C-alpha atoms as a PDB file:
ATOM      1  CA  MET A   1       2.891  15.888  -1.190  1.00  0.00           C
ATOM      2  CA  GLU A   2       2.603  15.710   2.624  1.00  0.00           C
ATOM      3  CA  LYS A   3      -0.576  17.788   2.433  1.00  0.00           C
ATOM      4  CA  ASP A   4      -2.045  15.326  -0.077  1.00  0.00           C
ATOM      5  CA  ILE A   5      -1.248  12.400   2.230  1.00  0.00           C
ATOM      6  CA  ASP A   6      -2.848  14.193   5.179  1.00  0.00           C
ATOM      7  CA  GLN A   7      -5.971  14.839   3.083  1.00  0.00           C
ATOM      8  CA  LEU A   8      -6.075  11.179   2.040  1.00  0.00           C
ATOM      9  CA  LYS A   9      -5.775  10.076   5.683  1.00  0.00           C
ATOM     10  CA  LYS A  10      -8.599  12.416   6.723  1.00  0.00           C
ATOM     11  CA  LYS A  11     -10.793  11.084   3.919  1.00  0.00           C
ATOM     12  CA  ILE A  12     -10.061   7.478   4.909  1.00  0.00           C
ATOM     13  CA  ILE A  13     -10.741   8.163   8.591  1.00  0.00           C
ATOM     14  CA  TYR A  14     -14.063   9.775   7.749  1.00  0.00           C
ATOM     15  CA  ARG A  15     -15.116   6.997   5.361  1.00  0.00           C
ATOM     16  CA  SER A  16     -14.167   4.288   7.832  1.00  0.00           C
ATOM     17  CA  ASN A  17     -16.221   5.833  10.646  1.00  0.00           C
ATOM     18  CA  TYR A  18     -19.354   6.720   8.650  1.00  0.00           C
ATOM     19  CA  ARG A  19     -20.221   3.593   6.683  1.00  0.00           C
ATOM     20  CA  GLY A  20     -23.944   3.336   7.173  1.00  0.00           C
ATOM     21  CA  THR A  21     -24.053   0.394   9.542  1.00  0.00           C
ATOM     22  CA  LYS A  22     -23.031   0.795  13.151  1.00  0.00           C
ATOM     23  CA  GLU A  23     -21.115  -2.503  13.189  1.00  0.00           C
ATOM     24  CA  MET A  24     -18.943  -1.541  10.232  1.00  0.00           C
ATOM     25  CA  ASP A  25     -18.466   2.006  11.572  1.00  0.00           C
ATOM     26  CA  LYS A  26     -16.975   0.511  14.731  1.00  0.00           C
ATOM     27  CA  LEU A  27     -14.986  -2.243  13.036  1.00  0.00           C
ATOM     28  CA  LEU A  28     -13.450  -0.124  10.280  1.00  0.00           C
ATOM     29  CA  GLY A  29     -13.061   2.888  12.556  1.00  0.00           C
ATOM     30  CA  SER A  30     -11.047   0.823  15.036  1.00  0.00           C
ATOM     31  CA  PHE A  31      -9.002  -0.797  12.286  1.00  0.00           C
ATOM     32  CA  THR A  32      -8.203   2.539  10.676  1.00  0.00           C
ATOM     33  CA  LYS A  33      -7.339   4.175  13.997  1.00  0.00           C
ATOM     34  CA  LYS A  34      -4.866   1.387  14.762  1.00  0.00           C
ATOM     35  CA  TYR A  35      -3.095   1.332  11.374  1.00  0.00           C
ATOM     36  CA  ILE A  36      -3.556   4.701   9.612  1.00  0.00           C
ATOM     37  CA  HIS A  37      -0.223   6.154  10.729  1.00  0.00           C
ATOM     38  CA  LYS A  38       1.701   2.946  10.052  1.00  0.00           C
ATOM     39  CA  LEU A  39       0.711   2.620   6.390  1.00  0.00           C
ATOM     40  CA  SER A  40       2.688   3.672   3.331  1.00  0.00           C
ATOM     41  CA  VAL A  41       1.098   5.745   0.573  1.00  0.00           C
ATOM     42  CA  LYS A  42       0.478   2.566  -1.455  1.00  0.00           C
ATOM     43  CA  ASP A  43      -1.149   0.964   1.582  1.00  0.00           C
ATOM     44  CA  LEU A  44      -3.348   4.029   2.097  1.00  0.00           C
ATOM     45  CA  LEU A  45      -4.508   3.768  -1.510  1.00  0.00           C
ATOM     46  CA  ASP A  46      -5.211   0.069  -0.983  1.00  0.00           C
ATOM     47  CA  LEU A  47      -7.211   0.946   2.139  1.00  0.00           C
ATOM     48  CA  GLU A  48      -9.166   3.532   0.189  1.00  0.00           C
ATOM     49  CA  GLN A  49      -9.971   0.840  -2.390  1.00  0.00           C
ATOM     50  CA  LEU A  50     -11.029  -1.564   0.379  1.00  0.00           C
ATOM     51  CA  LEU A  51     -13.431   1.103   1.671  1.00  0.00           C
ATOM     52  CA  ASP A  52     -15.116   1.162  -1.752  1.00  0.00           C
ATOM     53  CA  ILE A  53     -16.546  -2.284  -1.010  1.00  0.00           C
ATOM     54  CA  ASP A  54     -20.066  -2.281   0.418  1.00  0.00           C
ATOM     55  CA  ASP A  55     -20.628  -3.140   4.072  1.00  0.00           C
ATOM     56  CA  ASP A  56     -22.222  -6.549   3.524  1.00  0.00           C
ATOM     57  CA  ASN A  57     -19.433  -7.893   1.354  1.00  0.00           C
ATOM     58  CA  LEU A  58     -16.716  -6.368   3.512  1.00  0.00           C
ATOM     59  CA  TYR A  59     -18.309  -7.798   6.672  1.00  0.00           C
ATOM     60  CA  ASN A  60     -18.556 -11.221   5.036  1.00  0.00           C
ATOM     61  CA  PHE A  61     -14.926 -11.057   3.894  1.00  0.00           C
ATOM     62  CA  TYR A  62     -13.810 -10.129   7.413  1.00  0.00           C
ATOM     63  CA  ASN A  63     -15.759 -13.030   8.919  1.00  0.00           C
ATOM     64  CA  GLY A  64     -14.732 -15.587   6.297  1.00  0.00           C
ATOM     65  CA  LEU A  65     -18.221 -15.847   4.859  1.00  0.00           C
ATOM     66  CA  ARG A  66     -19.275 -16.051   1.234  1.00  0.00           C
ATOM     67  CA  THR A  67     -18.951 -12.713  -0.539  1.00  0.00           C
ATOM     68  CA  ASN A  68     -19.824 -11.379  -3.980  1.00  0.00           C
ATOM     69  CA  VAL A  69     -16.868  -8.997  -3.988  1.00  0.00           C
ATOM     70  CA  ILE A  70     -13.421 -10.256  -3.085  1.00  0.00           C
ATOM     71  CA  PRO A  71     -10.917  -7.535  -2.180  1.00  0.00           C
ATOM     72  CA  ASP A  72      -7.481  -7.545  -3.720  1.00  0.00           C
ATOM     73  CA  ILE A  73      -5.189  -9.549  -1.485  1.00  0.00           C
ATOM     74  CA  ASN A  74      -2.525  -7.157  -0.248  1.00  0.00           C
ATOM     75  CA  LYS A  75      -1.023  -5.964   3.020  1.00  0.00           C
ATOM     76  CA  VAL A  76      -4.095  -3.918   3.980  1.00  0.00           C
ATOM     77  CA  SER A  77      -6.703  -6.576   3.220  1.00  0.00           C
ATOM     78  CA  THR A  78      -4.602  -9.133   5.103  1.00  0.00           C
ATOM     79  CA  LEU A  79      -4.269  -6.783   8.093  1.00  0.00           C
ATOM     80  CA  PHE A  80      -8.014  -6.203   8.008  1.00  0.00           C
ATOM     81  CA  LYS A  81      -8.850  -9.907   7.725  1.00  0.00           C
ATOM     82  CA  ASN A  82      -6.609 -10.678  10.725  1.00  0.00           C
ATOM     83  CA  PHE A  83      -7.659  -7.624  12.776  1.00  0.00           C
ATOM     84  CA  LYS A  84      -9.105  -8.548  16.154  1.00  0.00           C
ATOM     85  CA  TYR A  85     -11.855  -6.090  16.970  1.00  0.00           C
ATOM     86  CA  ASN A  86     -12.252  -5.480  20.683  1.00  0.00           C
ATOM     87  CA  ASN A  87     -15.678  -4.105  21.506  1.00  0.00           C
ATOM     88  CA  ASP A  88     -14.556  -2.584  24.837  1.00  0.00           C
END
């Protein structure tokens, strides 16, 4: 089971850093780096589901703009919505 969780974390880290747009690579990469080791298995699965959303809709959700796809409201989406990205 631990091996499966490690594989899931690696997959999430990769997907969060290689989105297709540089802005989302940085935003999701930073978010994932901060929280990946603090999340439960359920939260990791929720994060994986959040990563299934395309960059435009996810960016709009993060910034409180109109979006065509609304993520499930859960711990991970709330953490993401409230995440303060520091571009330093």
